[in-house]
Every structure is written in structure tokens, then in C-alpha cells.
């Protein structure tokens, strides 16, 4: 019985230390300082209304999780007419689909940055995308920057004049 106690103690220490070795840090978007910009042939603009739940660990990114949404009705192209067209049924369908969402299924280290793979849902259509991003650690704050491209037709965005490709750039300051 005495020989069993040190083994049980050692297993307990190893078991509990494995759960505390990597700290997942929960981040909140820092006010309205973020930028979600898009650009395609003949159209560019930005979205507001970002909501995000980011759990991130620089040392062990595989444990990280990103869930984010954008309010489609906040689109701003600099033209009220273009904004109206973008919200229409044959474009983003804002009335029926008021949010664009992303949920990561994995995050991994990739080169000098990271890559999140996950489900992007636009207009009720979900596709798996890869989103390369970087993270700049500033102590209790930081900045996530990412870039990805989409093909609007893949999401049933068929409005005449819609570009074949749209590039999306993210700059998201966060606090712990």
C-alpha cells in the first residue's frame, strides 16, 4: 500500500499539470477600433457589427478557437445605392440572412503566423475556408490581422456586377 501512494501522487501531479501547462487566453474585441474591409473589382467597403469570441494560445495554437459574426446591415461601400444593392436578395440577402459567421475547427502555426480553418457562412451557405493570420502580443492587449478571399458565387451571391473574387482584410485589436 505504501508503494502505491507515491505512484498515485505522481500520476495526480502529472495529470493536473498537463491541464495547466497551456493557458488559453480569452480575448474581447477592443471597442470599435477593428476593421473588416473588403475589396473586389468595382466594389470596396467595410463592415461594422463585429462580435467575436477568441480563445487563443500562442504557444499551443491547436487549443485555440475563434467564433465571429458580422452584422450584414452594417455594410458601408461609401454609396447608399451600392449598400442597398449589397443587402438585396440576390446579393447578401440581409433581411433573411442578417449575419455572416465564422467558426474555426482548427488553428495551427504556419510560417511566421497562424492559420485558422473553419466554416464561413454567408447567405445561409457554409464553406470551409483557410484564414491566415498573425497575432501581435502587446501584453494585456494584442492585434489579430488576417486576410482571405472568397468567390461570391459560391455563396449564391448572383447580383449582376458582383466581382468574381472579394478579398477580406481583418485588423482586430483585442484585450484580455
Protein backbone atom coordinates (compact mmCIF):
# COMPACT_ATOMS: atom_id res chain seq x y z
CA UNK A 1 0.00 0.00 0.00
CA UNK A 2 2.88 2.39 0.84
CA UNK A 3 4.42 1.80 -2.58
CA UNK A 4 1.12 2.71 -4.25
CA UNK A 5 0.85 6.17 -2.59
CA UNK A 6 3.90 7.72 -4.39
CA UNK A 7 2.68 6.36 -7.71
CA UNK A 8 -0.82 7.80 -7.19
CA UNK A 9 0.70 11.13 -6.09
CA UNK A 10 2.96 11.24 -9.17
CA UNK A 11 0.07 10.42 -11.52
CA UNK A 12 -2.08 13.11 -9.90
CA UNK A 13 0.65 15.73 -10.35
CA UNK A 14 1.25 14.75 -13.98
CA UNK A 15 -2.46 14.67 -14.76
CA UNK A 16 -3.21 18.10 -13.29
CA UNK A 17 -0.07 19.73 -14.67
CA UNK A 18 -0.97 18.60 -18.20
CA UNK A 19 -4.17 20.63 -17.97
CA UNK A 20 -2.44 23.77 -16.74
CA UNK A 21 0.65 23.73 -18.97
CA UNK A 22 -1.04 25.72 -21.74
CA UNK A 23 -3.15 28.71 -20.90
CA UNK A 24 -5.94 29.62 -23.27
CA UNK A 25 -6.49 33.35 -23.20
CA UNK A 26 -9.94 34.74 -23.86
CA UNK A 27 -9.89 37.95 -25.88
CA UNK A 28 -12.53 40.62 -26.38
CA UNK A 29 -12.65 42.92 -29.39
CA UNK A 30 -11.36 46.32 -28.32
CA UNK A 31 -14.33 48.68 -28.77
CA UNK A 32 -14.89 49.86 -32.33
CA UNK A 33 -11.17 50.01 -33.20
CA UNK A 34 -11.36 47.00 -35.52
CA UNK A 35 -11.52 46.99 -39.33
CA UNK A 36 -13.27 44.43 -41.52
CA UNK A 37 -12.60 45.64 -45.06
CA UNK A 38 -13.40 44.04 -48.39
CA UNK A 39 -12.37 44.79 -51.95
CA UNK A 40 -13.23 43.41 -55.34
CA UNK A 41 -13.45 44.69 -58.89
CA UNK A 42 -15.63 47.86 -58.83
CA UNK A 43 -16.56 47.49 -55.14
CA UNK A 44 -14.91 48.05 -51.79
CA UNK A 45 -16.03 48.88 -48.32
CA UNK A 46 -16.23 47.80 -44.71
CA UNK A 47 -18.47 46.13 -42.16
CA UNK A 48 -19.08 47.05 -38.54
CA UNK A 49 -21.05 44.98 -36.05
CA UNK A 50 -18.23 42.52 -35.31
CA UNK A 51 -18.83 40.14 -32.42
CA UNK A 52 -16.12 37.64 -31.58
CA UNK A 53 -15.22 35.03 -29.02
CA UNK A 54 -11.49 34.35 -29.37
CA UNK A 55 -9.67 31.83 -27.20
CA UNK A 56 -6.04 31.82 -28.26
CA UNK A 57 -2.76 30.33 -27.12
CA UNK A 58 0.38 31.44 -28.97
CA UNK A 59 2.49 28.54 -27.68
CA UNK A 60 -0.10 25.87 -28.46
CA UNK A 61 -2.43 27.24 -31.17
CA UNK A 62 -4.11 23.84 -31.67
CA UNK A 63 -6.08 24.55 -28.49
CA UNK A 64 -7.40 27.85 -29.87
CA UNK A 65 -10.94 28.60 -31.03
CA UNK A 66 -12.35 31.55 -32.97
CA UNK A 67 -16.06 32.30 -33.34
CA UNK A 68 -17.05 35.55 -35.02
CA UNK A 69 -20.01 37.21 -36.69
CA UNK A 70 -20.63 40.39 -38.68
CA UNK A 71 -23.89 42.30 -38.99
CA UNK A 72 -24.64 42.37 -42.75
CA UNK A 73 -26.74 45.52 -42.36
CA UNK A 74 -23.63 47.49 -41.33
CA UNK A 75 -22.08 47.27 -44.81
CA UNK A 76 -20.63 50.58 -45.96
CA UNK A 77 -19.35 51.00 -49.52
CA UNK A 78 -19.46 54.79 -49.44
CA UNK A 79 -22.56 54.72 -51.64
CA UNK A 80 -26.06 54.29 -50.27
CA UNK A 81 -27.15 52.81 -53.61
CA UNK A 82 -24.36 50.18 -53.56
CA UNK A 83 -25.13 49.40 -49.90
CA UNK A 84 -28.77 48.79 -50.85
CA UNK A 85 -27.75 46.55 -53.75
CA UNK A 86 -25.37 44.60 -51.46
CA UNK A 87 -28.18 43.96 -48.96
CA UNK A 88 -30.66 42.82 -51.64
CA UNK A 89 -31.91 39.23 -52.01
CA UNK A 90 -29.66 38.35 -54.95
CA UNK A 91 -26.61 39.70 -53.09
CA UNK A 92 -26.15 39.24 -49.31
CA UNK A 93 -29.87 38.84 -48.57
CA UNK A 94 -29.63 40.91 -45.39
CA UNK A 95 -33.29 40.60 -44.47
CA UNK A 96 -33.25 36.80 -44.40
CA UNK A 97 -29.53 36.35 -43.53
CA UNK A 98 -28.56 39.25 -41.22
CA UNK A 99 -25.17 37.82 -40.16
CA UNK A 100 -22.01 36.42 -41.69
CA UNK A 101 -20.37 33.90 -39.35
CA UNK A 102 -17.05 32.13 -39.00
CA UNK A 103 -16.24 29.28 -36.61
CA UNK A 104 -12.82 27.69 -36.56
CA UNK A 105 -12.44 23.93 -36.49
CA UNK A 106 -8.65 24.13 -36.12
CA UNK A 107 -5.89 26.66 -35.62
CA UNK A 108 -2.24 25.92 -36.32
CA UNK A 109 1.13 27.60 -36.56
CA UNK A 110 2.02 28.35 -40.17
CA UNK A 111 5.28 30.09 -41.10
CA UNK A 112 5.60 33.40 -39.27
CA UNK A 113 1.89 33.38 -38.38
CA UNK A 114 -1.06 31.07 -37.95
CA UNK A 115 -3.88 29.60 -40.00
CA UNK A 116 -7.46 29.07 -38.88
CA UNK A 117 -9.52 26.53 -40.79
CA UNK A 118 -13.23 26.80 -40.29
CA UNK A 119 -16.74 27.26 -41.56
CA UNK A 120 -17.66 30.58 -43.16
CA UNK A 121 -21.41 31.05 -43.57
CA UNK A 122 -22.74 33.74 -45.89
CA UNK A 123 -26.35 33.91 -47.04
CA UNK A 124 -27.10 30.51 -45.49
CA UNK A 125 -24.29 28.76 -47.41
CA UNK A 126 -21.42 27.29 -45.41
CA UNK A 127 -17.98 26.62 -46.90
CA UNK A 128 -14.73 25.58 -45.24
CA UNK A 129 -12.02 28.20 -45.66
CA UNK A 130 -8.45 28.75 -44.51
CA UNK A 131 -7.74 32.13 -42.96
CA UNK A 132 -4.06 33.01 -42.50
CA UNK A 133 -3.50 35.48 -39.67
CA UNK A 134 -0.88 37.00 -37.41
CA UNK A 135 -1.04 37.93 -33.77
CA UNK A 136 0.91 40.80 -32.24
CA UNK A 137 1.16 40.37 -28.48
CA UNK A 138 1.12 43.66 -26.56
CA UNK A 139 0.84 42.34 -23.00
CA UNK A 140 -2.81 42.68 -21.91
CA UNK A 141 -3.74 43.67 -25.45
CA UNK A 142 -2.93 42.44 -28.93
CA UNK A 143 -3.84 42.67 -32.58
CA UNK A 144 -5.06 39.89 -34.87
CA UNK A 145 -4.59 40.58 -38.59
CA UNK A 146 -5.93 38.29 -41.25
CA UNK A 147 -6.65 38.05 -44.95
CA UNK A 148 -8.71 35.68 -47.06
CA UNK A 149 -10.57 35.66 -50.38
CA UNK A 150 -14.00 34.38 -51.30
CA UNK A 151 -15.86 33.67 -54.52
CA UNK A 152 -19.29 35.33 -54.05
CA UNK A 153 -20.98 32.92 -56.49
CA UNK A 154 -20.05 30.05 -54.11
CA UNK A 155 -22.40 31.69 -51.58
CA UNK A 156 -25.28 32.24 -54.05
CA UNK A 157 -24.44 35.92 -54.45
CA UNK A 158 -25.53 36.38 -58.03
CA UNK A 159 -26.31 40.09 -58.39
CA UNK A 160 -25.12 41.40 -61.73
CA UNK A 161 -21.88 43.33 -61.30
CA UNK A 162 -20.70 41.31 -58.30
CA UNK A 163 -16.94 40.69 -58.61
CA UNK A 164 -15.66 37.16 -59.23
CA UNK A 165 -13.47 37.41 -56.13
CA UNK A 166 -13.56 39.51 -52.98
CA UNK A 167 -10.56 39.98 -50.70
CA UNK A 168 -11.27 40.45 -47.00
CA UNK A 169 -8.79 42.10 -44.64
CA UNK A 170 -9.16 41.98 -40.87
CA UNK A 171 -7.43 44.14 -38.28
CA UNK A 172 -8.83 43.30 -34.85
CA UNK A 173 -7.33 44.89 -31.72
CA UNK A 174 -8.21 42.85 -28.62
CA UNK A 175 -7.94 42.96 -24.84
CA UNK A 176 -7.67 40.11 -22.36
